[in-house]
């Protein structure tokens, strides 16, 4: 398997384990110890702990959340993924409350 194939598989596993299954226990296996999330939730650390909080926030607000891989493009040591995420807003999400009757 080429390095690009390995990198594609790693990104696919990242989305499968974290976003589809909510398996934050996989974070140490999938992300470097010095990982920095540049889109961390306000008030959370930008590392692994913050990412675990972000996954929990999404999966609490969208209990039936589903994600589909549309494209994975790898070149050298870089991989880009395009995914479609869907779900029913079933709980508060980033200060957006669930509206009654919806």
PDB file of N, CA and C in Angstrom:
ATOM      1  N   UNK A   1       0.856  -1.177   0.000  1.00  0.00           N
ATOM      2  CA  UNK A   1       0.000   0.000   0.000  1.00  0.00           C
ATOM      3  C   UNK A   1       0.903   1.242   0.000  1.00  0.00           C
ATOM      4  N   UNK A   2       0.593   2.200  -0.858  1.00  0.00           N
ATOM      5  CA  UNK A   2       1.393   3.427  -0.944  1.00  0.00           C
ATOM      6  C   UNK A   2       1.145   4.323   0.270  1.00  0.00           C
ATOM      7  N   UNK A   3       2.048   5.283   0.490  1.00  0.00           N
ATOM      8  CA  UNK A   3       1.861   6.254   1.573  1.00  0.00           C
ATOM      9  C   UNK A   3       0.555   7.022   1.379  1.00  0.00           C
ATOM     10  N   UNK A   4       0.246   7.365   0.155  1.00  0.00           N
ATOM     11  CA  UNK A   4      -1.000   8.095  -0.118  1.00  0.00           C
ATOM     12  C   UNK A   4      -2.209   7.248   0.233  1.00  0.00           C
ATOM     13  N   UNK A   5      -2.169   5.964  -0.078  1.00  0.00           N
ATOM     14  CA  UNK A   5      -3.269   5.063   0.291  1.00  0.00           C
ATOM     15  C   UNK A   5      -3.396   4.963   1.805  1.00  0.00           C
ATOM     16  N   UNK A   6      -2.269   4.881   2.507  1.00  0.00           N
ATOM     17  CA  UNK A   6      -2.283   4.832   3.978  1.00  0.00           C
ATOM     18  C   UNK A   6      -2.881   6.119   4.553  1.00  0.00           C
ATOM     19  N   UNK A   7      -2.508   7.248   3.984  1.00  0.00           N
ATOM     20  CA  UNK A   7      -3.036   8.526   4.465  1.00  0.00           C
ATOM     21  C   UNK A   7      -4.534   8.645   4.212  1.00  0.00           C
ATOM     22  N   UNK A   8      -4.999   8.178   3.052  1.00  0.00           N
ATOM     23  CA  UNK A   8      -6.439   8.162   2.776  1.00  0.00           C
ATOM     24  C   UNK A   8      -7.167   7.291   3.809  1.00  0.00           C
ATOM     25  N   UNK A   9      -6.612   6.127   4.078  1.00  0.00           N
ATOM     26  CA  UNK A   9      -7.228   5.206   5.043  1.00  0.00           C
ATOM     27  C   UNK A   9      -7.261   5.824   6.436  1.00  0.00           C
ATOM     28  N   UNK A  10      -6.224   6.545   6.815  1.00  0.00           N
ATOM     29  CA  UNK A  10      -6.187   7.201   8.119  1.00  0.00           C
ATOM     30  C   UNK A  10      -7.276   8.269   8.224  1.00  0.00           C
ATOM     31  N   UNK A  11      -7.439   9.082   7.190  1.00  0.00           N
ATOM     32  CA  UNK A  11      -8.477  10.121   7.226  1.00  0.00           C
ATOM     33  C   UNK A  11      -9.865   9.493   7.232  1.00  0.00           C
ATOM     34  N   UNK A  12     -10.054   8.442   6.459  1.00  0.00           N
ATOM     35  CA  UNK A  12     -11.345   7.749   6.449  1.00  0.00           C
ATOM     36  C   UNK A  12     -11.646   7.174   7.840  1.00  0.00           C
ATOM     37  N   UNK A  13     -10.642   6.609   8.502  1.00  0.00           N
ATOM     38  CA  UNK A  13     -10.803   6.066   9.854  1.00  0.00           C
ATOM     39  C   UNK A  13     -11.115   7.188  10.844  1.00  0.00           C
ATOM     40  N   UNK A  14     -10.455   8.336  10.705  1.00  0.00           N
ATOM     41  CA  UNK A  14     -10.705   9.502  11.557  1.00  0.00           C
ATOM     42  C   UNK A  14     -12.184   9.869  11.519  1.00  0.00           C
ATOM     43  N   UNK A  15     -12.744   9.992  10.334  1.00  0.00           N
ATOM     44  CA  UNK A  15     -14.156  10.361  10.218  1.00  0.00           C
ATOM     45  C   UNK A  15     -15.073   9.233  10.676  1.00  0.00           C
ATOM     46  N   UNK A  16     -14.732   8.019  10.319  1.00  0.00           N
ATOM     47  CA  UNK A  16     -15.570   6.873  10.711  1.00  0.00           C
ATOM     48  C   UNK A  16     -15.630   6.737  12.237  1.00  0.00           C
ATOM     49  N   UNK A  17     -14.483   6.707  12.884  1.00  0.00           N
ATOM     50  CA  UNK A  17     -14.441   6.475  14.327  1.00  0.00           C
ATOM     51  C   UNK A  17     -14.960   7.660  15.139  1.00  0.00           C
ATOM     52  N   UNK A  18     -14.530   8.872  14.783  1.00  0.00           N
ATOM     53  CA  UNK A  18     -14.919  10.033  15.588  1.00  0.00           C
ATOM     54  C   UNK A  18     -16.302  10.551  15.247  1.00  0.00           C
ATOM     55  N   UNK A  19     -16.541  10.836  13.996  1.00  0.00           N
ATOM     56  CA  UNK A  19     -17.768  11.540  13.626  1.00  0.00           C
ATOM     57  C   UNK A  19     -18.954  10.609  13.427  1.00  0.00           C
ATOM     58  N   UNK A  20     -18.736   9.434  12.870  1.00  0.00           N
ATOM     59  CA  UNK A  20     -19.854   8.521  12.645  1.00  0.00           C
ATOM     60  C   UNK A  20     -20.156   7.702  13.903  1.00  0.00           C
ATOM     61  N   UNK A  21     -19.120   7.140  14.526  1.00  0.00           N
ATOM     62  CA  UNK A  21     -19.319   6.300  15.710  1.00  0.00           C
ATOM     63  C   UNK A  21     -19.230   7.061  17.029  1.00  0.00           C
ATOM     64  N   UNK A  22     -18.595   8.249  17.026  1.00  0.00           N
ATOM     65  CA  UNK A  22     -18.412   8.997  18.268  1.00  0.00           C
ATOM     66  C   UNK A  22     -17.388   8.362  19.188  1.00  0.00           C
ATOM     67  N   UNK A  23     -16.486   7.588  18.646  1.00  0.00           N
ATOM     68  CA  UNK A  23     -15.503   6.829  19.415  1.00  0.00           C
ATOM     69  C   UNK A  23     -14.280   7.696  19.721  1.00  0.00           C
ATOM     70  N   UNK A  24     -14.411   8.614  20.700  1.00  0.00           N
ATOM     71  CA  UNK A  24     -13.316   9.528  21.038  1.00  0.00           C
ATOM     72  C   UNK A  24     -12.128   8.803  21.669  1.00  0.00           C
ATOM     73  N   UNK A  25     -12.318   7.548  22.084  1.00  0.00           N
ATOM     74  CA  UNK A  25     -11.205   6.773  22.634  1.00  0.00           C
ATOM     75  C   UNK A  25     -10.127   6.515  21.575  1.00  0.00           C
ATOM     76  N   UNK A  26     -10.477   6.688  20.303  1.00  0.00           N
ATOM     77  CA  UNK A  26      -9.521   6.484  19.208  1.00  0.00           C
ATOM     78  C   UNK A  26      -8.620   7.694  18.966  1.00  0.00           C
ATOM     79  N   UNK A  27      -8.923   8.815  19.601  1.00  0.00           N
ATOM     80  CA  UNK A  27      -8.153  10.042  19.359  1.00  0.00           C
ATOM     81  C   UNK A  27      -6.651   9.834  19.533  1.00  0.00           C
ATOM     82  N   UNK A  28      -6.171   9.188  20.612  1.00  0.00           N
ATOM     83  CA  UNK A  28      -4.720   9.004  20.738  1.00  0.00           C
ATOM     84  C   UNK A  28      -4.097   8.177  19.611  1.00  0.00           C
ATOM     85  N   UNK A  29      -4.854   7.268  19.025  1.00  0.00           N
ATOM     86  CA  UNK A  29      -4.335   6.458  17.925  1.00  0.00           C
ATOM     87  C   UNK A  29      -4.356   7.204  16.590  1.00  0.00           C
ATOM     88  N   UNK A  30      -5.256   8.181  16.463  1.00  0.00           N
ATOM     89  CA  UNK A  30      -5.444   8.861  15.188  1.00  0.00           C
ATOM     90  C   UNK A  30      -4.726  10.198  15.085  1.00  0.00           C
ATOM     91  N   UNK A  31      -4.429  10.825  16.221  1.00  0.00           N
ATOM     92  CA  UNK A  31      -3.866  12.172  16.200  1.00  0.00           C
ATOM     93  C   UNK A  31      -2.569  12.256  16.992  1.00  0.00           C
ATOM     94  N   UNK A  32      -1.646  13.018  16.487  1.00  0.00           N
ATOM     95  CA  UNK A  32      -0.372  13.223  17.176  1.00  0.00           C
ATOM     96  C   UNK A  32      -0.609  13.880  18.535  1.00  0.00           C
ATOM     97  N   UNK A  33       0.298  13.631  19.453  1.00  0.00           N
ATOM     98  CA  UNK A  33       0.186  14.186  20.796  1.00  0.00           C
ATOM     99  C   UNK A  33       0.142  15.715  20.767  1.00  0.00           C
ATOM    100  N   UNK A  34       0.828  16.326  19.796  1.00  0.00           N
ATOM    101  CA  UNK A  34       0.861  17.793  19.711  1.00  0.00           C
ATOM    102  C   UNK A  34      -0.155  18.344  18.695  1.00  0.00           C
ATOM    103  N   UNK A  35      -1.179  17.561  18.377  1.00  0.00           N
ATOM    104  CA  UNK A  35      -2.259  17.986  17.474  1.00  0.00           C
ATOM    105  C   UNK A  35      -2.851  19.319  17.934  1.00  0.00           C
ATOM    106  N   UNK A  36      -3.116  20.207  16.975  1.00  0.00           N
ATOM    107  CA  UNK A  36      -3.760  21.487  17.257  1.00  0.00           C
ATOM    108  C   UNK A  36      -4.992  21.609  16.370  1.00  0.00           C
ATOM    109  N   UNK A  37      -6.151  21.792  16.989  1.00  0.00           N
ATOM    110  CA  UNK A  37      -7.403  22.014  16.258  1.00  0.00           C
ATOM    111  C   UNK A  37      -7.587  23.520  16.127  1.00  0.00           C
ATOM    112  N   UNK A  38      -7.497  24.012  14.919  1.00  0.00           N
ATOM    113  CA  UNK A  38      -7.602  25.454  14.685  1.00  0.00           C
ATOM    114  C   UNK A  38      -9.046  25.936  14.682  1.00  0.00           C
ATOM    115  N   UNK A  39      -9.992  25.021  14.902  1.00  0.00           N
ATOM    116  CA  UNK A  39     -11.413  25.367  14.993  1.00  0.00           C
ATOM    117  C   UNK A  39     -11.988  24.859  16.307  1.00  0.00           C
ATOM    118  N   UNK A  40     -11.186  24.885  17.357  1.00  0.00           N
ATOM    119  CA  UNK A  40     -11.626  24.376  18.657  1.00  0.00           C
ATOM    120  C   UNK A  40     -12.797  25.200  19.182  1.00  0.00           C
ATOM    121  N   UNK A  41     -13.657  24.534  19.964  1.00  0.00           N
ATOM    122  CA  UNK A  41     -14.769  25.234  20.606  1.00  0.00           C
ATOM    123  C   UNK A  41     -14.239  26.299  21.548  1.00  0.00           C
ATOM    124  N   UNK A  42     -14.933  27.395  21.645  1.00  0.00           N
ATOM    125  CA  UNK A  42     -14.564  28.459  22.569  1.00  0.00           C
ATOM    126  C   UNK A  42     -14.485  27.897  23.989  1.00  0.00           C
ATOM    127  N   UNK A  43     -13.401  28.198  24.674  1.00  0.00           N
ATOM    128  CA  UNK A  43     -13.239  27.747  26.046  1.00  0.00           C
ATOM    129  C   UNK A  43     -12.681  26.344  26.196  1.00  0.00           C
ATOM    130  N   UNK A  44     -12.357  25.684  25.078  1.00  0.00           N
ATOM    131  CA  UNK A  44     -11.764  24.349  25.159  1.00  0.00           C
ATOM    132  C   UNK A  44     -10.335  24.409  24.648  1.00  0.00           C
ATOM    133  N   UNK A  45      -9.492  23.499  25.119  1.00  0.00           N
ATOM    134  CA  UNK A  45      -8.115  23.483  24.624  1.00  0.00           C
ATOM    135  C   UNK A  45      -8.077  23.082  23.152  1.00  0.00           C
ATOM    136  N   UNK A  46      -7.095  23.571  22.403  1.00  0.00           N
ATOM    137  CA  UNK A  46      -7.044  23.281  20.968  1.00  0.00           C
ATOM    138  C   UNK A  46      -6.476  21.911  20.618  1.00  0.00           C
ATOM    139  N   UNK A  47      -6.212  21.080  21.595  1.00  0.00           N
ATOM    140  CA  UNK A  47      -5.628  19.763  21.342  1.00  0.00           C
ATOM    141  C   UNK A  47      -6.644  18.651  21.341  1.00  0.00           C
ATOM    142  N   UNK A  48      -6.185  17.478  21.687  1.00  0.00           N
ATOM    143  CA  UNK A  48      -7.013  16.275  21.670  1.00  0.00           C
ATOM    144  C   UNK A  48      -8.270  16.414  22.542  1.00  0.00           C
ATOM    145  N   UNK A  49      -8.108  17.007  23.741  1.00  0.00           N
ATOM    146  CA  UNK A  49      -9.256  17.148  24.652  1.00  0.00           C
ATOM    147  C   UNK A  49     -10.338  18.025  24.039  1.00  0.00           C
ATOM    148  N   UNK A  50      -9.912  19.085  23.383  1.00  0.00           N
ATOM    149  CA  UNK A  50     -10.871  19.974  22.732  1.00  0.00           C
ATOM    150  C   UNK A  50     -11.605  19.289  21.598  1.00  0.00           C
ATOM    151  N   UNK A  51     -10.893  18.453  20.842  1.00  0.00           N
ATOM    152  CA  UNK A  51     -11.543  17.720  19.756  1.00  0.00           C
ATOM    153  C   UNK A  51     -12.559  16.730  20.322  1.00  0.00           C
ATOM    154  N   UNK A  52     -12.217  16.076  21.420  1.00  0.00           N
ATOM    155  CA  UNK A  52     -13.165  15.156  22.057  1.00  0.00           C
ATOM    156  C   UNK A  52     -14.424  15.913  22.479  1.00  0.00           C
ATOM    157  N   UNK A  53     -14.261  17.132  23.004  1.00  0.00           N
ATOM    158  CA  UNK A  53     -15.410  17.949  23.401  1.00  0.00           C
ATOM    159  C   UNK A  53     -16.244  18.341  22.182  1.00  0.00           C
ATOM    160  N   UNK A  54     -15.583  18.662  21.066  1.00  0.00           N
ATOM    161  CA  UNK A  54     -16.295  19.035  19.843  1.00  0.00           C
ATOM    162  C   UNK A  54     -17.123  17.863  19.311  1.00  0.00           C
ATOM    163  N   UNK A  55     -16.526  16.683  19.284  1.00  0.00           N
ATOM    164  CA  UNK A  55     -17.247  15.486  18.820  1.00  0.00           C
ATOM    165  C   UNK A  55     -18.457  15.243  19.719  1.00  0.00           C
ATOM    166  N   UNK A  56     -18.268  15.335  21.031  1.00  0.00           N
ATOM    167  CA  UNK A  56     -19.374  15.114  21.974  1.00  0.00           C
ATOM    168  C   UNK A  56     -20.483  16.144  21.766  1.00  0.00           C
ATOM    169  N   UNK A  57     -20.114  17.398  21.517  1.00  0.00           N
ATOM    170  CA  UNK A  57     -21.105  18.452  21.276  1.00  0.00           C
ATOM    171  C   UNK A  57     -21.949  18.134  20.050  1.00  0.00           C
ATOM    172  N   UNK A  58     -21.302  17.777  18.953  1.00  0.00           N
ATOM    173  CA  UNK A  58     -22.029  17.441  17.729  1.00  0.00           C
ATOM    174  C   UNK A  58     -22.926  16.229  17.927  1.00  0.00           C
ATOM    175  N   UNK A  59     -22.376  15.185  18.552  1.00  0.00           N
ATOM    176  CA  UNK A  59     -23.122  13.932  18.669  1.00  0.00           C
ATOM    177  C   UNK A  59     -24.255  14.026  19.684  1.00  0.00           C
ATOM    178  N   UNK A  60     -24.182  14.975  20.612  1.00  0.00           N
ATOM    179  CA  UNK A  60     -25.277  15.209  21.551  1.00  0.00           C
ATOM    180  C   UNK A  60     -26.402  15.999  20.877  1.00  0.00           C
ATOM    181  N   UNK A  61     -26.032  16.946  20.043  1.00  0.00           N
ATOM    182  CA  UNK A  61     -27.024  17.795  19.380  1.00  0.00           C
ATOM    183  C   UNK A  61     -27.691  17.111  18.188  1.00  0.00           C
ATOM    184  N   UNK A  62     -27.002  16.173  17.570  1.00  0.00           N
ATOM    185  CA  UNK A  62     -27.506  15.484  16.376  1.00  0.00           C
ATOM    186  C   UNK A  62     -27.366  13.978  16.604  1.00  0.00           C
ATOM    187  N   UNK A  63     -28.308  13.399  17.348  1.00  0.00           N
ATOM    188  CA  UNK A  63     -28.198  11.999  17.754  1.00  0.00           C
ATOM    189  C   UNK A  63     -28.139  11.032  16.574  1.00  0.00           C
ATOM    190  N   UNK A  64     -28.780  11.385  15.472  1.00  0.00           N
ATOM    191  CA  UNK A  64     -28.794  10.511  14.302  1.00  0.00           C
ATOM    192  C   UNK A  64     -27.796  10.966  13.233  1.00  0.00           C
ATOM    193  N   UNK A  65     -26.772  11.680  13.663  1.00  0.00           N
ATOM    194  CA  UNK A  65     -25.789  12.242  12.736  1.00  0.00           C
ATOM    195  C   UNK A  65     -25.185  11.147  11.856  1.00  0.00           C
ATOM    196  N   UNK A  66     -25.062  11.461  10.579  1.00  0.00           N
ATOM    197  CA  UNK A  66     -24.497  10.534   9.600  1.00  0.00           C
ATOM    198  C   UNK A  66     -23.523  11.318   8.728  1.00  0.00           C
ATOM    199  N   UNK A  67     -22.468  10.697   8.320  1.00  0.00           N
ATOM    200  CA  UNK A  67     -21.492  11.372   7.470  1.00  0.00           C
ATOM    201  C   UNK A  67     -21.122  10.454   6.318  1.00  0.00           C
ATOM    202  N   UNK A  68     -21.032  11.022   5.141  1.00  0.00           N
ATOM    203  CA  UNK A  68     -20.695  10.283   3.937  1.00  0.00           C
ATOM    204  C   UNK A  68     -19.447  10.886   3.321  1.00  0.00           C
ATOM    205  N   UNK A  69     -18.510  10.047   2.945  1.00  0.00           N
ATOM    206  CA  UNK A  69     -17.286  10.500   2.288  1.00  0.00           C
ATOM    207  C   UNK A  69     -17.584  10.710   0.803  1.00  0.00           C
ATOM    208  N   UNK A  70     -17.441  11.955   0.356  1.00  0.00           N
ATOM    209  CA  UNK A  70     -17.677  12.275  -1.048  1.00  0.00           C
ATOM    210  C   UNK A  70     -16.400  12.186  -1.873  1.00  0.00           C
ATOM    211  N   UNK A  71     -15.287  12.650  -1.301  1.00  0.00           N
ATOM    212  CA  UNK A  71     -14.002  12.639  -2.002  1.00  0.00           C
ATOM    213  C   UNK A  71     -12.862  12.551  -1.001  1.00  0.00           C
ATOM    214  N   UNK A  72     -11.826  11.833  -1.356  1.00  0.00           N
ATOM    215  CA  UNK A  72     -10.557  11.845  -0.638  1.00  0.00           C
ATOM    216  C   UNK A  72      -9.473  12.037  -1.684  1.00  0.00           C
ATOM    217  N   UNK A  73      -8.688  13.066  -1.520  1.00  0.00           N
ATOM    218  CA  UNK A  73      -7.622  13.371  -2.469  1.00  0.00           C
ATOM    219  C   UNK A  73      -6.312  13.384  -1.698  1.00  0.00           C
ATOM    220  N   UNK A  74      -5.363  12.573  -2.124  1.00  0.00           N
ATOM    221  CA  UNK A  74      -4.067  12.498  -1.455  1.00  0.00           C
ATOM    222  C   UNK A  74      -2.969  12.810  -2.448  1.00  0.00           C
ATOM    223  N   UNK A  75      -2.013  13.599  -1.980  1.00  0.00           N
ATOM    224  CA  UNK A  75      -0.833  13.896  -2.773  1.00  0.00           C
ATOM    225  C   UNK A  75       0.328  14.042  -1.799  1.00  0.00           C
ATOM    226  N   UNK A  76       1.319  13.213  -1.950  1.00  0.00           N
ATOM    227  CA  UNK A  76       2.443  13.240  -1.004  1.00  0.00           C
ATOM    228  C   UNK A  76       1.935  12.930   0.391  1.00  0.00           C
ATOM    229  N   UNK A  77       2.282  13.800   1.354  1.00  0.00           N
ATOM    230  CA  UNK A  77       1.869  13.564   2.738  1.00  0.00           C
ATOM    231  C   UNK A  77       0.638  14.376   3.124  1.00  0.00           C
ATOM    232  N   UNK A  78      -0.098  14.879   2.144  1.00  0.00           N
ATOM    233  CA  UNK A  78      -1.300  15.663   2.410  1.00  0.00           C
ATOM    234  C   UNK A  78      -2.536  14.947   1.888  1.00  0.00           C
ATOM    235  N   UNK A  79      -3.618  15.018   2.676  1.00  0.00           N
ATOM    236  CA  UNK A  79      -4.888  14.417   2.286  1.00  0.00           C
ATOM    237  C   UNK A  79      -5.986  15.426   2.560  1.00  0.00           C
ATOM    238  N   UNK A  80      -6.895  15.544   1.626  1.00  0.00           N
ATOM    239  CA  UNK A  80      -8.055  16.421   1.772  1.00  0.00           C
ATOM    240  C   UNK A  80      -9.299  15.561   1.614  1.00  0.00           C
ATOM    241  N   UNK A  81     -10.254  15.767   2.504  1.00  0.00           N
ATOM    242  CA  UNK A  81     -11.503  15.038   2.419  1.00  0.00           C
ATOM    243  C   UNK A  81     -12.676  15.980   2.273  1.00  0.00           C
ATOM    244  N   UNK A  82     -13.650  15.569   1.486  1.00  0.00           N
ATOM    245  CA  UNK A  82     -14.916  16.301   1.367  1.00  0.00           C
ATOM    246  C   UNK A  82     -16.001  15.337   1.801  1.00  0.00           C
ATOM    247  N   UNK A  83     -16.709  15.732   2.850  1.00  0.00           N
ATOM    248  CA  UNK A  83     -17.713  14.880   3.455  1.00  0.00           C
ATOM    249  C   UNK A  83     -19.035  15.621   3.551  1.00  0.00           C
ATOM    250  N   UNK A  84     -20.116  14.882   3.504  1.00  0.00           N
ATOM    251  CA  UNK A  84     -21.449  15.445   3.713  1.00  0.00           C
ATOM    252  C   UNK A  84     -21.966  14.906   5.038  1.00  0.00           C
ATOM    253  N   UNK A  85     -22.362  15.824   5.901  1.00  0.00           N
ATOM    254  CA  UNK A  85     -22.875  15.450   7.209  1.00  0.00           C
ATOM    255  C   UNK A  85     -24.350  15.816   7.261  1.00  0.00           C
ATOM    256  N   UNK A  86     -25.153  14.921   7.841  1.00  0.00           N
ATOM    257  CA  UNK A  86     -26.576  15.215   7.992  1.00  0.00           C
ATOM    258  C   UNK A  86     -27.034  14.685   9.340  1.00  0.00           C
ATOM    259  N   UNK A  87     -28.134  15.224   9.818  1.00  0.00           N
ATOM    260  CA  UNK A  87     -28.695  14.767  11.081  1.00  0.00           C
ATOM    261  C   UNK A  87     -29.843  15.658  11.495  1.00  0.00           C
ATOM    262  N   UNK A  88     -30.577  15.209  12.477  1.00  0.00           N
ATOM    263  CA  UNK A  88     -31.710  15.944  13.003  1.00  0.00           C
ATOM    264  C   UNK A  88     -31.263  16.706  14.240  1.00  0.00           C
ATOM    265  N   UNK A  89     -31.512  18.013  14.244  1.00  0.00           N
ATOM    266  CA  UNK A  89     -31.148  18.849  15.394  1.00  0.00           C
ATOM    267  C   UNK A  89     -32.024  18.424  16.568  1.00  0.00           C
ATOM    268  N   UNK A  90     -31.428  17.660  17.499  1.00  0.00           N
ATOM    269  CA  UNK A  90     -32.209  17.075  18.582  1.00  0.00           C
ATOM    270  C   UNK A  90     -31.770  17.537  19.963  1.00  0.00           C
ATOM    271  N   UNK A  91     -30.899  18.534  20.039  1.00  0.00           N
ATOM    272  CA  UNK A  91     -30.438  19.081  21.312  1.00  0.00           C
ATOM    273  C   UNK A  91     -29.718  20.390  21.080  1.00  0.00           C
ATOM    274  N   UNK A  92     -29.415  21.103  22.154  1.00  0.00           N
ATOM    275  CA  UNK A  92     -28.733  22.392  22.011  1.00  0.00           C
ATOM    276  C   UNK A  92     -27.410  22.197  21.291  1.00  0.00           C
ATOM    277  N   UNK A  93     -27.101  23.139  20.413  1.00  0.00           N
ATOM    278  CA  UNK A  93     -25.865  23.062  19.642  1.00  0.00           C
ATOM    279  C   UNK A  93     -25.223  24.428  19.571  1.00  0.00           C
ATOM    280  N   UNK A  94     -24.082  24.588  20.222  1.00  0.00           N
ATOM    281  CA  UNK A  94     -23.315  25.834  20.181  1.00  0.00           C
ATOM    282  C   UNK A  94     -24.208  27.044  20.420  1.00  0.00           C
ATOM    283  N   UNK A  95     -24.932  27.011  21.506  1.00  0.00           N
ATOM    284  CA  UNK A  95     -25.842  28.084  21.927  1.00  0.00           C
ATOM    285  C   UNK A  95     -27.088  28.209  21.050  1.00  0.00           C
ATOM    286  N   UNK A  96     -27.335  27.259  20.173  1.00  0.00           N
ATOM    287  CA  UNK A  96     -28.567  27.255  19.383  1.00  0.00           C
ATOM    288  C   UNK A  96     -29.473  26.201  20.015  1.00  0.00           C
ATOM    289  N   UNK A  97     -30.515  26.643  20.726  1.00  0.00           N
ATOM    290  CA  UNK A  97     -31.392  25.675  21.403  1.00  0.00           C
ATOM    291  C   UNK A  97     -32.294  24.959  20.412  1.00  0.00           C
ATOM    292  N   UNK A  98     -32.756  23.795  20.828  1.00  0.00           N
ATOM    293  CA  UNK A  98     -33.756  23.085  20.054  1.00  0.00           C
ATOM    294  C   UNK A  98     -35.075  23.822  20.233  1.00  0.00           C
ATOM    295  N   UNK A  99     -35.722  24.184  19.155  1.00  0.00           N
ATOM    296  CA  UNK A  99     -37.001  24.912  19.252  1.00  0.00           C
ATOM    297  C   UNK A  99     -38.126  23.939  19.547  1.00  0.00           C
ATOM    298  N   UNK A 100     -39.011  24.343  20.442  1.00  0.00           N
ATOM    299  CA  UNK A 100     -40.172  23.515  20.782  1.00  0.00           C
ATOM    300  C   UNK A 100     -41.044  23.336  19.551  1.00  0.00           C
ATOM    301  N   UNK A 101     -41.545  22.139  19.361  1.00  0.00           N
ATOM    302  CA  UNK A 101     -42.451  21.865  18.249  1.00  0.00           C
ATOM    303  C   UNK A 101     -41.765  21.583  16.937  1.00  0.00           C
ATOM    304  N   UNK A 102     -40.432  21.534  16.942  1.00  0.00           N
ATOM    305  CA  UNK A 102     -39.727  21.269  15.689  1.00  0.00           C
ATOM    306  C   UNK A 102     -39.312  19.831  15.641  1.00  0.00           C
TER     307      UNK A 102
END
